[in-house]
N, C-alpha and C. Protein backbone atom coordinates (compact mmCIF):
# COMPACT_ATOMS: atom_id res chain seq x y z
N MET A 1 0.89 -1.22 0.18
CA MET A 1 -0.07 -0.22 -0.11
C MET A 1 1.18 1.24 0.14
N SER A 2 0.46 1.73 -0.73
CA SER A 2 1.30 3.54 -0.93
C SER A 2 1.08 4.38 0.07
N ASP A 3 1.70 5.06 0.12
CA ASP A 3 1.35 6.54 1.33
C ASP A 3 -0.01 7.19 0.65
N GLU A 4 0.13 7.30 -0.67
CA GLU A 4 -1.05 7.92 -0.84
C GLU A 4 -2.22 7.57 -0.29
N GLN A 5 -2.52 5.67 -0.94
CA GLN A 5 -3.31 5.19 -0.30
C GLN A 5 -3.85 5.26 1.45
N GLY A 6 -2.23 5.18 2.03
CA GLY A 6 -2.85 5.06 3.20
C GLY A 6 -3.52 6.08 3.76
N LYS A 7 -2.97 7.65 3.46
CA LYS A 7 -3.82 8.85 3.40
C LYS A 7 -4.65 8.47 3.17
N LYS A 8 -5.59 7.82 2.22
CA LYS A 8 -6.84 7.93 1.50
C LYS A 8 -7.43 7.47 2.70
N LEU A 9 -7.03 6.27 2.96
CA LEU A 9 -7.42 5.32 4.04
C LEU A 9 -8.02 6.07 5.34
N LYS A 10 -6.98 7.14 5.79
CA LYS A 10 -7.04 7.15 7.05
C LYS A 10 -8.12 8.21 6.95
N ASP A 11 -8.24 9.22 6.31
CA ASP A 11 -9.01 10.24 5.56
C ASP A 11 -10.31 9.52 5.82
N GLY A 12 -10.45 8.53 4.72
CA GLY A 12 -11.69 7.91 5.21
C GLY A 12 -12.29 6.98 6.27
N VAL A 13 -11.53 6.86 7.18
CA VAL A 13 -11.45 6.27 8.12
C VAL A 13 -12.29 7.69 9.49
N LYS A 14 -11.19 8.50 8.89
CA LYS A 14 -12.04 9.96 10.08
C LYS A 14 -13.06 10.35 9.44
N LYS A 15 -13.52 10.44 8.13
CA LYS A 15 -14.87 10.61 7.98
C LYS A 15 -15.71 9.67 8.76
N GLY A 16 -15.57 8.45 8.30
CA GLY A 16 -16.15 7.28 9.18
C GLY A 16 -16.86 7.87 10.44
N VAL A 17 -15.26 7.67 11.13
CA VAL A 17 -15.83 8.06 12.64
C VAL A 17 -16.46 9.02 12.65
N SER A 18 -16.56 9.95 11.96
CA SER A 18 -16.77 11.75 11.94
C SER A 18 -18.54 11.37 12.06
N VAL A 19 -18.65 10.70 11.10
CA VAL A 19 -20.07 10.27 10.57
C VAL A 19 -20.91 9.38 12.13
N VAL A 20 -20.18 8.28 12.41
CA VAL A 20 -20.51 7.28 12.92
C VAL A 20 -20.60 8.22 14.46
N GLY A 21 -19.47 9.17 14.29
CA GLY A 21 -19.55 10.24 16.09
C GLY A 21 -21.20 10.79 15.87
N LYS A 22 -21.55 11.25 14.82
CA LYS A 22 -22.54 12.18 14.53
C LYS A 22 -23.77 11.36 14.94
N VAL A 23 -24.09 10.07 14.21
CA VAL A 23 -24.93 9.37 14.09
C VAL A 23 -25.18 9.01 15.99
N VAL A 24 -24.39 8.55 16.50
CA VAL A 24 -24.07 8.16 17.72
C VAL A 24 -24.89 9.06 18.89
N LYS A 25 -24.38 10.71 18.63
CA LYS A 25 -24.39 11.75 19.27
C LYS A 25 -25.96 12.05 19.13
N TRP A 26 -26.70 11.42 17.85
CA TRP A 26 -28.12 12.69 17.52
C TRP A 26 -28.93 11.13 18.17
N VAL A 27 -28.48 9.79 18.48
CA VAL A 27 -28.99 8.66 18.82
C VAL A 27 -28.89 9.06 20.40
N LEU A 28 -27.76 9.24 20.73
CA LEU A 28 -28.35 9.56 22.07
C LEU A 28 -28.95 10.58 22.76
N ILE A 29 -28.93 11.95 22.00
CA ILE A 29 -29.81 12.61 22.31
C ILE A 29 -31.28 12.25 22.04
N ALA A 30 -31.91 11.60 21.23
CA ALA A 30 -33.10 10.78 20.82
C ALA A 30 -33.50 10.25 22.48
N VAL A 31 -32.34 9.59 22.42
CA VAL A 31 -32.78 8.72 23.87
C VAL A 31 -32.82 9.51 25.08
N LEU A 32 -31.83 10.37 24.98
CA LEU A 32 -32.69 11.51 26.10
C LEU A 32 -33.50 12.20 26.29
N LEU A 33 -33.71 12.42 25.20
CA LEU A 33 -35.23 13.27 24.96
C LEU A 33 -36.66 11.81 25.51
N ILE A 34 -35.80 10.43 25.14
CA ILE A 34 -37.31 9.63 25.11
C ILE A 34 -37.44 9.58 26.80
N VAL A 35 -36.22 9.54 27.26
CA VAL A 35 -36.27 9.50 28.70
C VAL A 35 -37.10 10.69 29.65
N VAL A 36 -36.48 11.75 29.10
CA VAL A 36 -36.93 13.13 29.61
C VAL A 36 -38.84 12.76 29.31
N ALA A 37 -39.12 12.95 28.28
CA ALA A 37 -40.94 12.61 28.24
C ALA A 37 -41.47 11.81 29.07
N VAL A 38 -40.27 10.18 28.91
CA VAL A 38 -40.99 9.34 29.98
C VAL A 38 -41.34 10.15 31.56
N CYS A 39 -40.11 10.40 32.31
CA CYS A 39 -40.09 11.21 33.31
C CYS A 39 -40.95 11.82 33.74
N VAL A 40 -41.42 12.62 32.53
CA VAL A 40 -42.49 13.85 32.81
C VAL A 40 -43.68 13.36 32.96
N TYR A 41 -44.29 12.66 32.13
CA TYR A 41 -45.32 11.83 31.50
C TYR A 41 -45.41 10.73 33.31
N SER A 42 -44.52 10.31 33.38
CA SER A 42 -44.58 9.25 34.73
C SER A 42 -44.84 10.55 35.65
N CYS A 43 -43.92 11.58 36.35
CA CYS A 43 -44.40 12.57 37.14
C CYS A 43 -45.69 13.17 36.84
N TYR A 44 -46.31 13.54 35.68
CA TYR A 44 -48.01 13.88 35.76
C TYR A 44 -48.75 13.08 36.01
N THR A 45 -48.45 11.67 35.87
CA THR A 45 -49.26 10.48 36.04
C THR A 45 -49.37 10.42 37.66
N CYS A 46 -48.14 10.48 37.92
CA CYS A 46 -47.92 9.99 39.41
C CYS A 46 -48.62 11.28 40.23
N SER A 47 -48.68 12.23 40.00
CA SER A 47 -49.20 13.28 40.44
C SER A 47 -51.09 13.27 40.26
N SER A 48 -51.43 12.76 39.20
CA SER A 48 -52.89 12.52 39.13
C SER A 48 -53.24 11.27 39.75
N VAL A 49 -52.23 10.01 40.17
CA VAL A 49 -52.57 9.17 41.28
C VAL A 49 -52.95 9.66 42.46
N THR A 50 -51.95 10.58 42.77
CA THR A 50 -51.29 11.06 44.28
C THR A 50 -52.76 11.62 44.52
N LYS A 51 -53.24 12.50 43.46
CA LYS A 51 -54.35 13.62 43.66
C LYS A 51 -55.79 12.73 43.84
N ALA A 52 -55.46 11.66 43.39
CA ALA A 52 -57.13 10.99 43.41
C ALA A 52 -56.87 10.17 45.05
N VAL A 53 -55.55 9.63 45.04
CA VAL A 53 -55.43 8.87 46.41
C VAL A 53 -56.09 10.13 47.42
N VAL A 54 -55.35 11.51 47.62
CA VAL A 54 -55.95 12.11 48.59
C VAL A 54 -57.26 12.97 48.15
N ASP A 55 -57.77 13.05 47.32
CA ASP A 55 -59.20 13.03 47.01
C ASP A 55 -60.11 11.70 47.90
N ALA A 56 -59.64 10.79 47.43
CA ALA A 56 -60.57 9.57 47.94
C ALA A 56 -60.46 9.17 49.77
N THR A 57 -58.89 10.00 50.03
CA THR A 57 -58.98 9.92 51.41
C THR A 57 -59.88 10.86 52.02
N VAL A 58 -59.31 11.88 51.61
CA VAL A 58 -60.51 13.24 51.90
C VAL A 58 -61.62 13.04 52.04
N ASP A 59 -62.33 12.39 51.75
CA ASP A 59 -63.77 12.03 51.53
C ASP A 59 -64.29 10.89 51.94
N SER A 60 -62.68 9.70 52.62
CA SER A 60 -63.15 8.89 53.49
C SER A 60 -63.96 9.33 54.73
N THR A 61 -65.11 7.90 55.48
CA THR A 61 -65.48 8.49 56.70
C THR A 61 -64.47 8.56 57.98
N ILE A 62 -63.15 7.78 57.61
CA ILE A 62 -62.32 7.74 58.56
C ILE A 62 -61.90 9.04 59.14
N VAL A 63 -61.80 10.21 57.66
CA VAL A 63 -60.77 11.29 57.92
C VAL A 63 -62.38 12.06 57.96
N LYS A 64 -63.36 12.24 57.89
CA LYS A 64 -64.46 12.89 58.22
C LYS A 64 -64.74 12.75 59.89
N ASP A 65 -64.50 11.28 60.02
CA ASP A 65 -64.77 11.00 61.42
C ASP A 65 -63.91 12.06 62.54
N ALA A 66 -62.53 11.86 62.12
CA ALA A 66 -61.45 12.30 62.77
C ALA A 66 -61.22 13.88 62.73
N ILE A 67 -62.37 14.46 61.95
CA ILE A 67 -62.40 15.86 61.71
C ILE A 67 -63.29 16.31 62.61
N ARG A 68 -64.54 15.55 62.68
CA ARG A 68 -65.83 15.85 63.33
C ARG A 68 -65.09 15.98 64.88
N ASP A 69 -64.82 14.64 65.26
CA ASP A 69 -64.17 14.35 66.74
C ASP A 69 -63.11 15.42 67.23
N ALA A 70 -62.22 16.02 66.16
CA ALA A 70 -61.21 17.17 66.24
C ALA A 70 -61.90 18.43 66.66
N LYS A 71 -62.92 18.68 66.20
CA LYS A 71 -63.85 19.75 66.50
C LYS A 71 -64.73 19.50 67.49
N GLY A 72 -65.00 18.29 68.21
CA GLY A 72 -65.90 18.47 69.65
C GLY A 72 -67.15 17.48 69.00
N GLY A 73 -66.96 17.40 68.02
CA GLY A 73 -68.75 16.31 67.53
C GLY A 73 -69.42 17.64 67.35
N GLU A 74 -70.35 17.05 66.78
CA GLU A 74 -71.80 17.85 66.70
C GLU A 74 -72.44 18.17 68.06
N ASP A 75 -72.80 19.24 67.81
CA ASP A 75 -73.70 19.89 69.10
C ASP A 75 -74.98 19.01 69.41
N ARG A 76 -75.20 18.42 70.46
CA ARG A 76 -76.16 17.63 70.93
C ARG A 76 -77.50 18.76 70.64
N THR A 77 -77.59 19.59 71.03
CA THR A 77 -79.26 20.52 70.91
C THR A 77 -79.48 20.14 69.15
N LYS A 78 -78.48 20.55 68.51
CA LYS A 78 -78.51 20.76 66.86
C LYS A 78 -79.03 19.21 66.48
N MET A 79 -78.35 18.24 67.29
CA MET A 79 -78.39 17.04 66.15
C MET A 79 -79.87 16.53 67.02
N ALA A 80 -80.87 16.80 68.02
CA ALA A 80 -81.73 16.67 68.88
C ALA A 80 -82.91 17.40 67.75
N SER A 81 -82.78 18.74 67.84
CA SER A 81 -83.53 19.33 66.76
C SER A 81 -83.81 19.23 65.87
N GLU A 82 -82.77 18.79 64.92
CA GLU A 82 -82.64 18.27 63.23
C GLU A 82 -83.09 16.65 63.22
N ALA A 83 -83.25 15.83 64.11
CA ALA A 83 -83.03 14.44 64.08
C ALA A 83 -84.62 13.97 63.62
N ILE A 84 -85.04 12.90 62.64
CA ILE A 84 -86.07 12.59 62.18
C ILE A 84 -85.82 11.18 62.91
N THR A 85 -87.25 11.02 63.80
CA THR A 85 -87.96 10.31 64.39
C THR A 85 -88.05 8.89 63.90
N VAL A 86 -87.68 7.88 63.96
CA VAL A 86 -87.70 6.18 63.35
C VAL A 86 -87.70 5.15 64.66
N THR A 87 -88.33 4.02 64.97
CA THR A 87 -87.88 2.82 65.39
C THR A 87 -86.63 2.06 64.42
N ALA A 88 -86.06 1.34 65.11
CA ALA A 88 -84.94 0.46 64.60
C ALA A 88 -85.70 -0.40 63.43
N VAL A 89 -87.15 -0.84 63.84
CA VAL A 89 -87.53 -1.65 62.72
C VAL A 89 -87.78 -1.11 61.74
N GLU A 90 -88.48 0.58 62.01
CA GLU A 90 -88.91 1.02 60.65
C GLU A 90 -87.94 1.85 59.67
N LEU A 91 -86.38 1.88 60.41
CA LEU A 91 -85.23 2.05 59.85
C LEU A 91 -84.80 0.99 59.15
N TYR A 92 -84.51 -0.48 59.52
CA TYR A 92 -84.17 -1.12 58.76
C TYR A 92 -85.05 -1.68 57.70
N ASP A 93 -86.27 -1.62 57.51
CA ASP A 93 -87.26 -2.01 56.96
C ASP A 93 -87.57 -1.13 55.87
N ALA A 94 -86.89 0.18 56.14
CA ALA A 94 -87.08 1.04 55.02
C ALA A 94 -85.74 0.87 54.17
N TYR A 95 -84.51 0.58 54.74
CA TYR A 95 -83.69 0.09 53.66
C TYR A 95 -83.72 -1.19 53.13
N GLU A 96 -84.14 -1.99 53.69
CA GLU A 96 -84.95 -3.29 52.81
C GLU A 96 -85.56 -3.45 51.67
N SER A 97 -86.77 -2.39 51.99
CA SER A 97 -87.64 -2.15 51.27
C SER A 97 -87.20 -1.47 50.06
N ASN A 98 -86.30 -0.45 50.17
CA ASN A 98 -85.68 0.25 48.67
C ASN A 98 -84.47 1.08 49.25
N ALA A 99 -83.37 0.81 49.14
CA ALA A 99 -82.38 1.53 49.49
C ALA A 99 -81.95 2.91 49.42
N LEU A 100 -82.28 3.39 48.16
CA LEU A 100 -81.75 4.44 47.75
C LEU A 100 -82.38 5.45 48.10
N ARG A 101 -84.58 5.13 48.49
CA ARG A 101 -84.66 5.90 48.94
C ARG A 101 -84.62 6.15 50.33
N ALA A 102 -84.48 5.37 50.93
CA ALA A 102 -83.67 5.15 52.56
C ALA A 102 -82.72 5.93 52.60
N ASP A 103 -81.36 5.81 51.91
CA ASP A 103 -80.47 6.55 51.83
C ASP A 103 -80.77 7.88 51.58
N ASN A 104 -81.96 8.43 50.77
CA ASN A 104 -82.63 9.87 50.40
C ASN A 104 -82.97 9.93 51.65
N THR A 105 -83.37 9.73 52.09
CA THR A 105 -84.26 10.16 53.77
C THR A 105 -83.38 10.02 55.17
N TYR A 106 -82.51 9.18 54.80
CA TYR A 106 -81.79 8.94 56.64
C TYR A 106 -80.58 9.14 56.72
N LYS A 107 -79.85 8.78 55.37
CA LYS A 107 -78.36 8.54 55.29
C LYS A 107 -77.51 10.52 54.99
N GLY A 108 -76.79 10.52 56.11
CA GLY A 108 -75.97 11.85 56.50
C GLY A 108 -77.14 12.69 57.21
N LYS A 109 -78.05 12.15 57.63
CA LYS A 109 -79.33 12.82 58.18
C LYS A 109 -78.81 12.39 60.07
N PHE A 110 -79.49 13.39 60.96
CA PHE A 110 -79.42 12.95 62.39
C PHE A 110 -80.73 11.86 62.33
N VAL A 111 -80.59 10.85 63.31
CA VAL A 111 -81.67 10.07 63.21
C VAL A 111 -82.07 9.86 65.06
N ARG A 112 -83.69 9.98 65.56
CA ARG A 112 -83.83 10.01 66.50
C ARG A 112 -84.26 8.12 66.84
N VAL A 113 -83.60 7.50 67.13
CA VAL A 113 -84.10 5.84 66.83
C VAL A 113 -84.13 5.41 68.53
N THR A 114 -85.77 4.53 68.42
CA THR A 114 -86.05 3.73 69.44
C THR A 114 -86.03 2.62 68.98
N GLY A 115 -85.03 1.75 70.32
CA GLY A 115 -84.98 0.48 69.66
C GLY A 115 -84.55 -0.76 70.65
N LYS A 116 -84.98 -2.25 70.70
CA LYS A 116 -84.76 -2.91 71.98
C LYS A 116 -83.60 -3.65 71.70
N VAL A 117 -82.24 -3.83 72.95
CA VAL A 117 -81.22 -3.54 72.45
C VAL A 117 -80.85 -5.26 72.34
N SER A 118 -80.42 -5.78 71.48
CA SER A 118 -79.66 -6.99 71.34
C SER A 118 -78.65 -7.25 71.79
N LYS A 119 -77.67 -6.50 71.73
CA LYS A 119 -76.21 -7.13 72.29
C LYS A 119 -75.36 -5.84 72.09
N VAL A 120 -74.80 -5.82 73.25
CA VAL A 120 -73.68 -4.41 73.62
C VAL A 120 -72.16 -5.31 73.31
N ASP A 121 -71.65 -4.81 72.25
CA ASP A 121 -70.54 -5.36 71.51
C ASP A 121 -69.13 -4.49 70.93
N GLN A 122 -68.51 -4.63 70.61
CA GLN A 122 -67.41 -4.42 69.97
C GLN A 122 -66.83 -4.42 68.85
N ASP A 123 -66.75 -3.39 68.02
CA ASP A 123 -66.19 -3.45 66.40
C ASP A 123 -64.58 -4.04 66.09
N LEU A 124 -65.05 -5.33 65.55
CA LEU A 124 -63.37 -6.10 65.33
C LEU A 124 -61.87 -4.96 65.10
N LEU A 125 -62.60 -4.14 64.11
CA LEU A 125 -61.49 -3.39 63.34
C LEU A 125 -60.93 -1.83 64.21
N THR A 126 -62.16 -1.44 64.71
CA THR A 126 -61.95 0.09 65.54
C THR A 126 -61.83 -0.20 67.10
N LYS A 127 -62.23 -1.39 67.49
CA LYS A 127 -62.56 -1.29 69.17
C LYS A 127 -63.60 -0.62 69.57
N LYS A 128 -64.13 0.16 68.62
CA LYS A 128 -65.08 1.38 69.27
C LYS A 128 -66.31 -0.14 69.66
N PRO A 129 -66.78 0.40 71.09
CA PRO A 129 -68.00 -0.62 71.28
C PRO A 129 -69.20 0.26 70.46
N TYR A 130 -70.27 -0.18 70.60
CA TYR A 130 -71.29 -0.59 69.94
C TYR A 130 -72.77 -0.94 70.26
N VAL A 131 -74.10 -0.87 70.09
CA VAL A 131 -75.28 -1.48 70.64
C VAL A 131 -75.65 -1.97 69.44
N LYS A 132 -76.15 -2.94 69.26
CA LYS A 132 -76.71 -3.81 68.30
C LYS A 132 -78.53 -3.41 68.91
N LEU A 133 -79.39 -2.98 67.84
CA LEU A 133 -80.89 -2.81 67.93
C LEU A 133 -81.34 -3.79 66.99
N PHE A 134 -82.55 -4.87 67.74
CA PHE A 134 -82.77 -5.37 67.32
C PHE A 134 -83.76 -4.86 65.76
N SER A 135 -83.90 -5.35 64.78
CA SER A 135 -84.41 -4.60 63.57
C SER A 135 -85.46 -5.64 63.27
N ASP A 136 -85.91 -6.48 63.71
CA ASP A 136 -87.25 -7.92 62.94
C ASP A 136 -87.33 -8.92 64.23
N PRO A 137 -88.04 -8.18 65.46
CA PRO A 137 -88.33 -9.02 66.65
C PRO A 137 -88.53 -10.32 66.23
N SER A 138 -88.65 -11.22 64.74
CA SER A 138 -89.47 -12.02 64.87
C SER A 138 -88.26 -12.77 64.28
N ASN A 139 -87.24 -12.46 64.21
CA ASN A 139 -85.99 -12.83 63.47
C ASN A 139 -84.69 -12.20 64.24
N PRO A 140 -84.59 -12.43 65.82
CA PRO A 140 -83.38 -12.09 66.55
C PRO A 140 -81.91 -12.58 66.15
N TYR A 141 -82.09 -13.10 65.05
CA TYR A 141 -80.24 -13.35 64.82
C TYR A 141 -79.85 -12.55 63.54
N MET A 142 -80.68 -12.24 62.94
CA MET A 142 -80.21 -11.87 61.69
C MET A 142 -80.62 -10.38 61.59
N ASP A 143 -79.40 -8.94 60.81
CA ASP A 143 -79.74 -7.97 60.61
C ASP A 143 -80.39 -7.40 61.90
N PHE A 144 -79.36 -5.89 62.04
CA PHE A 144 -79.32 -4.91 62.92
C PHE A 144 -79.44 -3.87 62.95
N VAL A 145 -79.81 -2.92 63.80
CA VAL A 145 -79.46 -1.54 63.38
C VAL A 145 -78.31 -1.53 64.67
N ASN A 146 -76.84 -0.91 64.30
CA ASN A 146 -75.75 -0.93 65.32
C ASN A 146 -75.13 0.73 65.16
N VAL A 147 -75.65 1.02 66.71
CA VAL A 147 -75.49 2.34 66.73
C VAL A 147 -73.82 2.07 67.54
N TYR A 148 -73.40 3.08 67.29
CA TYR A 148 -72.02 3.55 67.71
C TYR A 148 -72.32 5.04 68.34
N PHE A 149 -71.47 4.88 69.56
CA PHE A 149 -71.63 6.19 70.71
C PHE A 149 -70.50 7.57 70.88
N LYS A 150 -70.80 8.08 70.90
CA LYS A 150 -69.62 9.37 71.47
C LYS A 150 -69.18 8.71 72.64
N GLU A 151 -67.47 9.37 72.80
CA GLU A 151 -67.13 9.04 74.29
C GLU A 151 -67.60 8.84 75.45
N SER A 152 -68.09 10.19 75.35
CA SER A 152 -68.51 10.39 76.78
C SER A 152 -70.06 9.57 76.74
N GLU A 153 -70.44 8.27 76.02
CA GLU A 153 -71.66 7.60 76.51
C GLU A 153 -71.04 6.60 76.81
N MET A 154 -69.38 6.28 77.05
CA MET A 154 -69.36 4.72 77.56
C MET A 154 -69.52 4.19 78.59
N ASP A 155 -70.16 5.11 79.78
CA ASP A 155 -70.40 4.83 81.18
C ASP A 155 -71.84 3.94 80.86
N LYS A 156 -72.64 4.58 80.02
CA LYS A 156 -74.14 4.13 80.00
C LYS A 156 -74.24 2.97 78.96
N ILE A 157 -73.33 2.81 77.82
CA ILE A 157 -73.10 2.06 77.65
C ILE A 157 -72.95 0.25 78.25
N ALA A 158 -71.48 0.72 79.26
CA ALA A 158 -71.47 -0.45 79.97
C ALA A 158 -72.37 -0.78 80.64
N ASN A 159 -73.43 -0.10 81.48
CA ASN A 159 -74.25 -0.26 82.41
C ASN A 159 -75.96 -0.83 81.60
N LEU A 160 -75.80 -1.35 79.97
CA LEU A 160 -77.30 -1.19 79.20
C LEU A 160 -77.01 -3.05 79.48
N GLU A 161 -78.43 -3.67 79.15
CA GLU A 161 -78.63 -4.93 79.49
C GLU A 161 -79.49 -5.56 78.18
N ASN A 162 -79.17 -6.43 77.62
CA ASN A 162 -80.08 -6.70 76.36
C ASN A 162 -81.40 -7.26 77.30
N GLY A 163 -82.14 -6.60 75.73
CA GLY A 163 -83.52 -6.85 76.05
C GLY A 163 -84.21 -5.22 76.17
N LYS A 164 -83.19 -4.14 77.25
CA LYS A 164 -84.12 -3.29 77.39
C LYS A 164 -84.18 -2.41 76.39
N TYR A 165 -85.00 -1.54 76.50
CA TYR A 165 -85.74 -0.58 75.25
C TYR A 165 -84.44 0.78 75.67
N ILE A 166 -84.17 1.50 74.38
CA ILE A 166 -83.19 2.82 74.59
C ILE A 166 -83.70 3.84 73.57
N LYS A 167 -83.62 4.95 73.76
CA LYS A 167 -83.79 6.00 72.72
C LYS A 167 -82.18 6.87 72.60
N ILE A 168 -82.07 6.75 71.35
CA ILE A 168 -80.86 7.59 70.93
C ILE A 168 -81.25 8.55 69.45
N VAL A 169 -80.22 9.60 69.78
CA VAL A 169 -79.85 10.54 68.50
C VAL A 169 -78.69 10.27 68.04
N GLY A 170 -78.75 10.08 66.81
CA GLY A 170 -77.03 9.80 65.77
C GLY A 170 -77.17 10.06 64.52
N LEU A 171 -75.80 10.13 63.71
CA LEU A 171 -75.47 10.29 62.54
C LEU A 171 -75.98 9.07 61.45
N CYS A 172 -77.21 9.03 60.92
CA CYS A 172 -77.35 7.44 59.68
C CYS A 172 -75.98 7.29 58.69
N GLU A 173 -75.56 6.33 58.99
CA GLU A 173 -74.40 6.04 57.89
C GLU A 173 -74.74 5.73 56.80
N GLY A 174 -76.16 4.85 56.73
CA GLY A 174 -76.87 4.02 55.43
C GLY A 174 -76.78 2.62 56.20
N LYS A 175 -76.57 1.80 55.05
CA LYS A 175 -76.61 0.22 54.98
C LYS A 175 -75.28 -0.21 54.83
N SER A 176 -74.61 -1.34 55.77
CA SER A 176 -73.21 -1.86 55.39
C SER A 176 -74.19 -3.14 55.08
N ILE A 177 -73.53 -4.26 55.22
CA ILE A 177 -73.76 -5.53 54.54
C ILE A 177 -75.08 -5.85 54.91
N MET A 178 -74.98 -6.13 56.12
CA MET A 178 -76.10 -6.78 57.20
C MET A 178 -76.59 -5.86 58.27
N SER A 179 -76.17 -4.76 58.63
CA SER A 179 -76.94 -3.55 59.24
C SER A 179 -76.88 -2.16 58.95
N VAL A 180 -77.99 -1.39 59.47
CA VAL A 180 -77.86 0.13 59.23
C VAL A 180 -76.89 0.54 60.43
N GLU A 181 -75.86 1.54 59.75
CA GLU A 181 -75.31 2.03 61.00
C GLU A 181 -75.54 3.55 61.23
N ILE A 182 -75.49 3.53 62.48
CA ILE A 182 -75.84 5.13 63.01
C ILE A 182 -74.49 5.36 63.92
N LYS A 183 -74.04 6.53 63.80
CA LYS A 183 -72.61 7.43 64.34
C LYS A 183 -72.56 7.90 65.20
N ASP A 184 -71.81 8.36 66.27
CA ASP A 184 -71.58 10.07 67.24
C ASP A 184 -73.07 9.89 67.59
N SER A 185 -73.69 8.74 67.97
CA SER A 185 -74.83 9.02 69.04
C SER A 185 -74.90 9.04 70.27
N PHE A 186 -75.74 9.42 70.74
CA PHE A 186 -75.50 9.43 72.58
C PHE A 186 -77.24 9.38 72.87
N PHE A 187 -77.24 8.72 74.43
CA PHE A 187 -78.87 8.74 74.70
C PHE A 187 -79.85 9.85 75.06
N GLU A 188 -80.71 9.82 74.94
CA GLU A 188 -82.01 10.58 74.71
C GLU A 188 -82.51 10.43 76.23
């Protein structure tokens, strides 16, 4: 190989390296742009998911209960004056016959409920005590109205006896799987 051919070969290699270098440079830029785009999209999606989780949490009953408790709960006089009077049997029957109508009538509203104590019990998850009221005297083993009380009522709950009639005022939370739930209750 002559010097001239060697020089041409070196120039060709340099041009080739230069072209390859430019291609690699543009490929790296493209990859970098794709990575940035993925990161931006992930942050956007993540913030949307985070917002959805926060919104769902704010709407949750647990958070609402905590906020209400932190504020000292509802005023008893206000609750009693706004309460819809109903028996435990009537309340449960309303949910059994038409849950949507019953929710429109009772859910999120204060109710004054009279009923017969079936059992004093404790919630498995929250460990809060509650009172089960019979919803159907002919079937004492199924379907109840569960009444959860304010902390100030704990001594009265401890002295309750099964079979005794009570009258309470509380906030109706609607029907769960097998029972109508009433929260923040007090004895009247």
